[in-house]
């Protein structure tokens, strides 16, 4: 994936309980311009979301005892200040689940199995727009060299 955003490196938080799916997402999205952060539970996801301030979250809809829609709502409430885009991924392609994802605050909903080209393209488009959507995202919350004073 080519460099996007105005950051030298961007962070992707992958929230997925299945190890094979996490590995597949890492392989499909990873390169030298991004840092992959992983979480396997709701609590770990929320903690890493707050601590790491990722540029984007890839969030599975199924998380064992919790559903990803609830986690998405929590992240959306937390990110009211720095507006991190959340992309939900799911085995469910029924319109009611897709609608539920958007209502929870997701900016996109991608069904499994993933198409490599589609997944990378959609993530790239979201990341290309990450700085332009929220000026505070550039200034107040980034620790890289693009931060202005």
N, C-alpha and C. Protein backbone atom coordinates (compact mmCIF):
# COMPACT_ATOMS: atom_id res chain seq x y z
N UNK A 1 0.86 -1.17 0.00
CA UNK A 1 0.00 0.00 0.00
C UNK A 1 0.90 1.23 0.00
N UNK A 2 0.64 2.14 -0.91
CA UNK A 2 1.46 3.34 -0.97
C UNK A 2 1.14 4.26 0.20
N UNK A 3 2.08 5.15 0.48
CA UNK A 3 1.91 6.07 1.60
C UNK A 3 0.72 6.98 1.35
N UNK A 4 -0.10 7.11 2.37
CA UNK A 4 -1.25 8.01 2.31
C UNK A 4 -1.26 8.83 3.58
N UNK A 5 -2.14 9.79 3.67
CA UNK A 5 -2.17 10.76 4.77
C UNK A 5 -0.91 11.59 4.74
N UNK A 6 -0.84 12.54 5.61
CA UNK A 6 0.35 13.39 5.70
C UNK A 6 1.28 12.93 6.80
N UNK A 7 1.18 11.71 7.19
CA UNK A 7 2.02 11.15 8.24
C UNK A 7 3.12 10.34 7.58
N UNK A 8 4.28 10.27 8.23
CA UNK A 8 5.34 9.44 7.70
C UNK A 8 4.98 7.97 7.84
N UNK A 9 4.24 7.64 8.88
CA UNK A 9 3.75 6.28 9.11
C UNK A 9 2.34 6.40 9.65
N UNK A 10 1.45 5.51 9.23
CA UNK A 10 0.11 5.54 9.79
C UNK A 10 -0.17 4.23 10.51
N UNK A 11 -1.11 4.29 11.45
CA UNK A 11 -1.43 3.16 12.31
C UNK A 11 -2.77 2.56 11.93
N UNK A 12 -2.79 1.23 11.84
CA UNK A 12 -4.02 0.49 11.59
C UNK A 12 -4.27 -0.42 12.79
N UNK A 13 -5.40 -0.23 13.44
CA UNK A 13 -5.79 -1.11 14.54
C UNK A 13 -6.71 -2.18 13.98
N UNK A 14 -6.27 -3.43 14.08
CA UNK A 14 -7.06 -4.58 13.63
C UNK A 14 -7.68 -5.23 14.86
N UNK A 15 -9.01 -5.25 14.90
CA UNK A 15 -9.73 -5.86 16.01
C UNK A 15 -10.43 -7.10 15.46
N UNK A 16 -9.87 -8.25 15.78
CA UNK A 16 -10.32 -9.51 15.20
C UNK A 16 -9.97 -10.63 16.17
N UNK A 17 -10.96 -11.46 16.51
CA UNK A 17 -10.71 -12.56 17.45
C UNK A 17 -10.01 -13.75 16.79
N UNK A 18 -10.19 -13.91 15.50
CA UNK A 18 -9.63 -15.05 14.78
C UNK A 18 -8.19 -14.76 14.33
N UNK A 19 -7.26 -15.58 14.79
CA UNK A 19 -5.84 -15.37 14.49
C UNK A 19 -5.56 -15.42 12.98
N UNK A 20 -6.18 -16.35 12.27
CA UNK A 20 -5.95 -16.46 10.83
C UNK A 20 -6.44 -15.21 10.10
N UNK A 21 -7.57 -14.68 10.52
CA UNK A 21 -8.09 -13.45 9.89
C UNK A 21 -7.19 -12.26 10.18
N UNK A 22 -6.68 -12.17 11.41
CA UNK A 22 -5.74 -11.08 11.74
C UNK A 22 -4.49 -11.17 10.86
N UNK A 23 -3.97 -12.37 10.72
CA UNK A 23 -2.77 -12.56 9.90
C UNK A 23 -3.05 -12.18 8.44
N UNK A 24 -4.21 -12.59 7.92
CA UNK A 24 -4.57 -12.25 6.55
C UNK A 24 -4.66 -10.74 6.37
N UNK A 25 -5.30 -10.05 7.31
CA UNK A 25 -5.40 -8.59 7.24
C UNK A 25 -4.01 -7.94 7.30
N UNK A 26 -3.14 -8.44 8.17
CA UNK A 26 -1.77 -7.92 8.25
C UNK A 26 -1.06 -8.06 6.91
N UNK A 27 -1.19 -9.23 6.30
CA UNK A 27 -0.53 -9.49 5.02
C UNK A 27 -1.11 -8.62 3.90
N UNK A 28 -2.43 -8.45 3.91
CA UNK A 28 -3.08 -7.69 2.86
C UNK A 28 -2.84 -6.18 2.96
N UNK A 29 -2.70 -5.69 4.18
CA UNK A 29 -2.61 -4.24 4.37
C UNK A 29 -1.21 -3.75 4.75
N UNK A 30 -0.37 -4.63 5.20
CA UNK A 30 0.92 -4.22 5.74
C UNK A 30 1.94 -3.81 4.69
N UNK A 31 2.74 -2.85 5.05
CA UNK A 31 3.93 -2.46 4.29
C UNK A 31 4.79 -1.59 5.19
N UNK A 32 5.81 -0.97 4.64
CA UNK A 32 6.75 -0.18 5.44
C UNK A 32 6.16 1.12 5.95
N UNK A 33 5.03 1.55 5.42
CA UNK A 33 4.46 2.84 5.81
C UNK A 33 3.35 2.73 6.85
N UNK A 34 3.18 1.54 7.42
CA UNK A 34 2.13 1.43 8.42
C UNK A 34 2.56 0.53 9.57
N UNK A 35 1.95 0.80 10.70
CA UNK A 35 2.17 0.01 11.90
C UNK A 35 0.85 -0.69 12.18
N UNK A 36 0.93 -2.00 12.30
CA UNK A 36 -0.26 -2.79 12.61
C UNK A 36 -0.35 -2.99 14.11
N UNK A 37 -1.48 -2.64 14.67
CA UNK A 37 -1.76 -2.84 16.09
C UNK A 37 -2.92 -3.83 16.13
N UNK A 38 -2.83 -4.80 17.01
CA UNK A 38 -3.86 -5.84 17.04
C UNK A 38 -4.53 -5.92 18.39
N UNK A 39 -5.82 -6.25 18.36
CA UNK A 39 -6.59 -6.49 19.58
C UNK A 39 -7.51 -7.67 19.31
N UNK A 40 -7.72 -8.47 20.35
CA UNK A 40 -8.55 -9.67 20.19
C UNK A 40 -9.80 -9.66 21.07
N UNK A 41 -9.98 -8.60 21.85
CA UNK A 41 -11.16 -8.52 22.71
C UNK A 41 -11.66 -7.08 22.76
N UNK A 42 -12.86 -6.91 23.27
CA UNK A 42 -13.43 -5.57 23.40
C UNK A 42 -12.56 -4.68 24.28
N UNK A 43 -12.19 -5.16 25.45
CA UNK A 43 -11.41 -4.35 26.38
C UNK A 43 -10.05 -3.97 25.81
N UNK A 44 -9.40 -4.94 25.18
CA UNK A 44 -8.10 -4.67 24.56
C UNK A 44 -8.25 -3.68 23.41
N UNK A 45 -9.32 -3.82 22.63
CA UNK A 45 -9.57 -2.91 21.51
C UNK A 45 -9.77 -1.47 21.99
N UNK A 46 -10.60 -1.29 23.00
CA UNK A 46 -10.86 0.05 23.53
C UNK A 46 -9.58 0.64 24.12
N UNK A 47 -8.84 -0.15 24.87
CA UNK A 47 -7.59 0.32 25.47
C UNK A 47 -6.59 0.75 24.41
N UNK A 48 -6.38 -0.08 23.41
CA UNK A 48 -5.41 0.27 22.35
C UNK A 48 -5.91 1.43 21.50
N UNK A 49 -7.21 1.52 21.34
CA UNK A 49 -7.80 2.63 20.59
C UNK A 49 -7.48 3.96 21.26
N UNK A 50 -7.63 3.99 22.57
CA UNK A 50 -7.36 5.22 23.33
C UNK A 50 -5.86 5.51 23.38
N UNK A 51 -5.05 4.50 23.66
CA UNK A 51 -3.61 4.68 23.82
C UNK A 51 -2.89 4.98 22.51
N UNK A 52 -3.24 4.27 21.46
CA UNK A 52 -2.50 4.34 20.20
C UNK A 52 -3.00 5.40 19.23
N UNK A 53 -4.27 5.79 19.36
CA UNK A 53 -4.89 6.74 18.43
C UNK A 53 -4.60 6.36 16.98
N UNK A 54 -5.13 5.24 16.54
CA UNK A 54 -4.85 4.78 15.18
C UNK A 54 -5.46 5.70 14.12
N UNK A 55 -4.94 5.59 12.92
CA UNK A 55 -5.47 6.36 11.80
C UNK A 55 -6.74 5.72 11.25
N UNK A 56 -6.88 4.41 11.47
CA UNK A 56 -8.06 3.68 11.01
C UNK A 56 -8.20 2.43 11.86
N UNK A 57 -9.43 1.97 12.01
CA UNK A 57 -9.72 0.73 12.74
C UNK A 57 -10.41 -0.23 11.79
N UNK A 58 -9.92 -1.47 11.75
CA UNK A 58 -10.59 -2.55 11.04
C UNK A 58 -11.21 -3.41 12.14
N UNK A 59 -12.53 -3.47 12.20
CA UNK A 59 -13.24 -4.07 13.33
C UNK A 59 -14.19 -5.17 12.87
N UNK A 60 -13.98 -6.39 13.37
CA UNK A 60 -14.86 -7.50 13.05
C UNK A 60 -16.19 -7.33 13.79
N UNK A 61 -17.26 -7.77 13.16
CA UNK A 61 -18.58 -7.64 13.79
C UNK A 61 -18.79 -8.67 14.88
N UNK A 62 -18.08 -9.79 14.80
CA UNK A 62 -18.25 -10.85 15.80
C UNK A 62 -17.02 -10.92 16.69
N UNK A 63 -17.23 -10.78 17.99
CA UNK A 63 -16.12 -10.77 18.94
C UNK A 63 -16.41 -11.66 20.14
N UNK A 64 -16.88 -12.85 19.91
CA UNK A 64 -17.16 -13.76 21.02
C UNK A 64 -18.33 -13.28 21.86
N UNK A 65 -18.03 -12.89 23.10
CA UNK A 65 -19.09 -12.45 24.03
C UNK A 65 -19.63 -11.06 23.71
N UNK A 66 -18.95 -10.32 22.87
CA UNK A 66 -19.35 -8.96 22.52
C UNK A 66 -19.55 -8.89 21.03
N UNK A 67 -20.38 -7.95 20.60
CA UNK A 67 -20.46 -7.78 19.16
C UNK A 67 -19.73 -6.50 18.76
N UNK A 68 -19.20 -6.53 17.56
CA UNK A 68 -18.42 -5.41 17.07
C UNK A 68 -19.22 -4.14 16.91
N UNK A 69 -20.54 -4.26 16.74
CA UNK A 69 -21.37 -3.07 16.61
C UNK A 69 -21.33 -2.25 17.91
N UNK A 70 -21.37 -2.94 19.05
CA UNK A 70 -21.28 -2.25 20.34
C UNK A 70 -19.91 -1.59 20.50
N UNK A 71 -18.88 -2.31 20.11
CA UNK A 71 -17.51 -1.76 20.20
C UNK A 71 -17.38 -0.54 19.29
N UNK A 72 -17.96 -0.62 18.11
CA UNK A 72 -17.93 0.51 17.18
C UNK A 72 -18.60 1.74 17.79
N UNK A 73 -19.76 1.53 18.42
CA UNK A 73 -20.45 2.65 19.08
C UNK A 73 -19.58 3.27 20.16
N UNK A 74 -18.92 2.42 20.96
CA UNK A 74 -18.05 2.94 22.02
C UNK A 74 -16.90 3.75 21.43
N UNK A 75 -16.27 3.22 20.40
CA UNK A 75 -15.15 3.92 19.77
C UNK A 75 -15.61 5.24 19.16
N UNK A 76 -16.78 5.23 18.55
CA UNK A 76 -17.30 6.45 17.95
C UNK A 76 -17.54 7.53 19.01
N UNK A 77 -18.03 7.13 20.17
CA UNK A 77 -18.24 8.08 21.26
C UNK A 77 -16.91 8.60 21.78
N UNK A 78 -15.93 7.73 21.89
CA UNK A 78 -14.60 8.14 22.36
C UNK A 78 -13.95 9.06 21.34
N UNK A 79 -14.13 8.76 20.06
CA UNK A 79 -13.43 9.51 19.03
C UNK A 79 -14.18 10.75 18.58
N UNK A 80 -15.11 11.21 19.36
CA UNK A 80 -15.83 12.43 19.00
C UNK A 80 -14.86 13.58 18.78
N UNK A 81 -13.69 13.49 19.40
CA UNK A 81 -12.69 14.55 19.25
C UNK A 81 -11.79 14.28 18.06
N UNK A 82 -11.25 13.08 17.92
CA UNK A 82 -10.28 12.85 16.85
C UNK A 82 -10.77 11.96 15.72
N UNK A 83 -12.00 11.61 15.67
CA UNK A 83 -12.71 11.03 14.53
C UNK A 83 -11.93 9.99 13.72
N UNK A 84 -11.61 8.91 14.34
CA UNK A 84 -10.93 7.82 13.66
C UNK A 84 -11.93 7.03 12.82
N UNK A 85 -11.67 6.85 11.53
CA UNK A 85 -12.59 6.06 10.72
C UNK A 85 -12.55 4.58 11.14
N UNK A 86 -13.72 3.97 11.19
CA UNK A 86 -13.86 2.57 11.56
C UNK A 86 -14.47 1.83 10.39
N UNK A 87 -13.80 0.76 9.96
CA UNK A 87 -14.30 -0.09 8.90
C UNK A 87 -14.68 -1.42 9.52
N UNK A 88 -15.93 -1.80 9.38
CA UNK A 88 -16.38 -3.08 9.92
C UNK A 88 -16.19 -4.16 8.87
N UNK A 89 -15.74 -5.32 9.33
CA UNK A 89 -15.60 -6.48 8.45
C UNK A 89 -16.46 -7.60 9.03
N UNK A 90 -17.08 -8.37 8.15
CA UNK A 90 -18.04 -9.35 8.64
C UNK A 90 -18.27 -10.49 7.66
N UNK A 91 -18.68 -11.62 8.20
CA UNK A 91 -19.16 -12.72 7.38
C UNK A 91 -20.60 -12.49 6.95
N UNK A 92 -21.28 -11.54 7.58
CA UNK A 92 -22.68 -11.27 7.31
C UNK A 92 -22.84 -10.23 6.22
N UNK A 93 -23.51 -10.61 5.14
CA UNK A 93 -23.72 -9.67 4.04
C UNK A 93 -25.17 -9.18 3.95
N UNK A 94 -25.99 -9.60 4.89
CA UNK A 94 -27.38 -9.17 4.92
C UNK A 94 -27.45 -7.66 5.16
N UNK A 95 -28.36 -7.01 4.48
CA UNK A 95 -28.48 -5.55 4.57
C UNK A 95 -28.73 -5.05 5.98
N UNK A 96 -29.40 -5.83 6.81
CA UNK A 96 -29.67 -5.36 8.17
C UNK A 96 -28.37 -5.23 8.97
N UNK A 97 -27.39 -6.10 8.72
CA UNK A 97 -26.11 -6.00 9.41
C UNK A 97 -25.29 -4.83 8.87
N UNK A 98 -25.34 -4.65 7.58
CA UNK A 98 -24.62 -3.52 6.97
C UNK A 98 -25.17 -2.21 7.52
N UNK A 99 -26.49 -2.09 7.55
CA UNK A 99 -27.13 -0.89 8.10
C UNK A 99 -26.76 -0.70 9.57
N UNK A 100 -26.74 -1.79 10.32
CA UNK A 100 -26.38 -1.72 11.74
C UNK A 100 -24.94 -1.21 11.91
N UNK A 101 -24.05 -1.62 11.01
CA UNK A 101 -22.67 -1.14 11.07
C UNK A 101 -22.57 0.36 10.85
N UNK A 102 -23.27 0.84 9.84
CA UNK A 102 -23.25 2.29 9.58
C UNK A 102 -23.91 3.06 10.72
N UNK A 103 -24.99 2.54 11.26
CA UNK A 103 -25.65 3.20 12.37
C UNK A 103 -24.77 3.24 13.62
N UNK A 104 -23.90 2.26 13.76
CA UNK A 104 -22.99 2.22 14.90
C UNK A 104 -21.85 3.22 14.75
N UNK A 105 -21.65 3.75 13.53
CA UNK A 105 -20.62 4.75 13.32
C UNK A 105 -19.53 4.35 12.35
N UNK A 106 -19.64 3.19 11.73
CA UNK A 106 -18.63 2.77 10.76
C UNK A 106 -18.70 3.63 9.50
N UNK A 107 -17.55 3.85 8.88
CA UNK A 107 -17.52 4.59 7.62
C UNK A 107 -17.60 3.64 6.43
N UNK A 108 -17.37 2.35 6.68
CA UNK A 108 -17.46 1.36 5.62
C UNK A 108 -17.74 0.00 6.24
N UNK A 109 -18.23 -0.92 5.41
CA UNK A 109 -18.58 -2.27 5.85
C UNK A 109 -18.14 -3.20 4.73
N UNK A 110 -17.24 -4.11 5.03
CA UNK A 110 -16.67 -5.00 4.02
C UNK A 110 -16.96 -6.44 4.43
N UNK A 111 -17.50 -7.22 3.50
CA UNK A 111 -17.82 -8.61 3.81
C UNK A 111 -16.66 -9.55 3.47
N UNK A 112 -16.59 -10.63 4.26
CA UNK A 112 -15.59 -11.67 4.04
C UNK A 112 -16.20 -12.69 3.09
N UNK A 113 -15.42 -13.38 2.30
CA UNK A 113 -13.97 -13.27 2.20
C UNK A 113 -13.57 -11.99 1.48
N UNK A 114 -12.40 -11.49 1.84
CA UNK A 114 -11.91 -10.23 1.28
C UNK A 114 -11.37 -10.41 -0.12
N UNK A 115 -11.63 -9.43 -0.94
CA UNK A 115 -10.95 -9.30 -2.22
C UNK A 115 -9.78 -8.35 -1.97
N UNK A 116 -8.56 -8.80 -2.22
CA UNK A 116 -7.36 -8.01 -1.93
C UNK A 116 -7.44 -6.61 -2.53
N UNK A 117 -7.75 -6.52 -3.81
CA UNK A 117 -7.78 -5.22 -4.47
C UNK A 117 -8.84 -4.31 -3.85
N UNK A 118 -10.03 -4.85 -3.61
CA UNK A 118 -11.12 -4.04 -3.05
C UNK A 118 -10.78 -3.57 -1.63
N UNK A 119 -10.29 -4.47 -0.79
CA UNK A 119 -9.96 -4.10 0.58
C UNK A 119 -8.90 -3.01 0.62
N UNK A 120 -7.80 -3.22 -0.08
CA UNK A 120 -6.72 -2.22 -0.08
C UNK A 120 -7.19 -0.90 -0.66
N UNK A 121 -7.97 -0.94 -1.72
CA UNK A 121 -8.46 0.29 -2.35
C UNK A 121 -9.37 1.07 -1.42
N UNK A 122 -10.26 0.37 -0.76
CA UNK A 122 -11.20 1.06 0.13
C UNK A 122 -10.49 1.65 1.34
N UNK A 123 -9.55 0.91 1.91
CA UNK A 123 -8.77 1.44 3.04
C UNK A 123 -7.94 2.63 2.59
N UNK A 124 -7.32 2.52 1.42
CA UNK A 124 -6.50 3.62 0.89
C UNK A 124 -7.35 4.88 0.72
N UNK A 125 -8.55 4.74 0.15
CA UNK A 125 -9.42 5.91 -0.04
C UNK A 125 -9.78 6.58 1.28
N UNK A 126 -10.07 5.77 2.27
CA UNK A 126 -10.40 6.32 3.58
C UNK A 126 -9.19 7.05 4.17
N UNK A 127 -8.02 6.43 4.08
CA UNK A 127 -6.83 7.05 4.65
C UNK A 127 -6.40 8.30 3.89
N UNK A 128 -6.62 8.33 2.59
CA UNK A 128 -6.28 9.52 1.81
C UNK A 128 -7.08 10.73 2.26
N UNK A 129 -8.26 10.48 2.79
CA UNK A 129 -9.13 11.56 3.24
C UNK A 129 -9.05 11.81 4.74
N UNK A 130 -8.20 11.08 5.45
CA UNK A 130 -8.21 11.17 6.91
C UNK A 130 -7.86 12.55 7.41
N UNK A 131 -6.92 13.24 6.82
CA UNK A 131 -6.52 14.55 7.31
C UNK A 131 -7.51 15.63 6.91
N UNK A 132 -8.13 15.49 5.77
CA UNK A 132 -9.00 16.56 5.29
C UNK A 132 -10.33 16.59 6.03
N UNK A 133 -10.74 15.50 6.67
CA UNK A 133 -12.05 15.46 7.33
C UNK A 133 -12.07 16.20 8.66
N UNK A 134 -10.95 16.25 9.36
CA UNK A 134 -10.95 16.86 10.68
C UNK A 134 -9.63 17.58 10.91
N UNK A 135 -9.64 18.90 10.82
CA UNK A 135 -8.40 19.64 11.01
C UNK A 135 -7.74 19.38 12.36
N UNK A 136 -8.52 19.07 13.39
CA UNK A 136 -7.93 18.77 14.69
C UNK A 136 -7.10 17.49 14.63
N UNK A 137 -7.45 16.61 13.72
CA UNK A 137 -6.73 15.36 13.57
C UNK A 137 -5.26 15.63 13.23
N UNK A 138 -5.02 16.68 12.46
CA UNK A 138 -3.65 17.02 12.06
C UNK A 138 -2.86 17.64 13.19
N UNK A 139 -3.48 18.52 13.93
CA UNK A 139 -2.75 19.37 14.85
C UNK A 139 -2.70 18.83 16.27
N UNK A 140 -3.84 18.59 16.84
CA UNK A 140 -3.90 18.35 18.27
C UNK A 140 -3.50 16.95 18.70
N UNK A 141 -3.65 15.96 17.85
CA UNK A 141 -3.50 14.60 18.32
C UNK A 141 -2.40 13.81 17.66
N UNK A 142 -1.68 14.35 16.74
CA UNK A 142 -0.61 13.62 16.07
C UNK A 142 0.73 14.03 16.64
N UNK A 143 1.61 13.05 16.80
CA UNK A 143 2.92 13.33 17.36
C UNK A 143 4.00 13.30 16.31
N UNK A 144 3.63 13.28 15.03
CA UNK A 144 4.66 13.21 13.99
C UNK A 144 5.07 14.60 13.55
N UNK A 145 5.92 14.66 12.53
CA UNK A 145 6.50 15.92 12.10
C UNK A 145 5.52 16.83 11.38
N UNK A 146 4.33 16.38 11.05
CA UNK A 146 3.36 17.22 10.36
C UNK A 146 2.62 18.13 11.32
N UNK A 147 2.81 17.95 12.59
CA UNK A 147 2.12 18.75 13.60
C UNK A 147 2.58 20.20 13.52
N UNK A 148 1.63 21.11 13.49
CA UNK A 148 1.97 22.52 13.45
C UNK A 148 1.83 23.14 14.81
N UNK A 149 2.47 24.26 15.01
CA UNK A 149 2.37 24.91 16.33
C UNK A 149 1.53 26.14 16.29
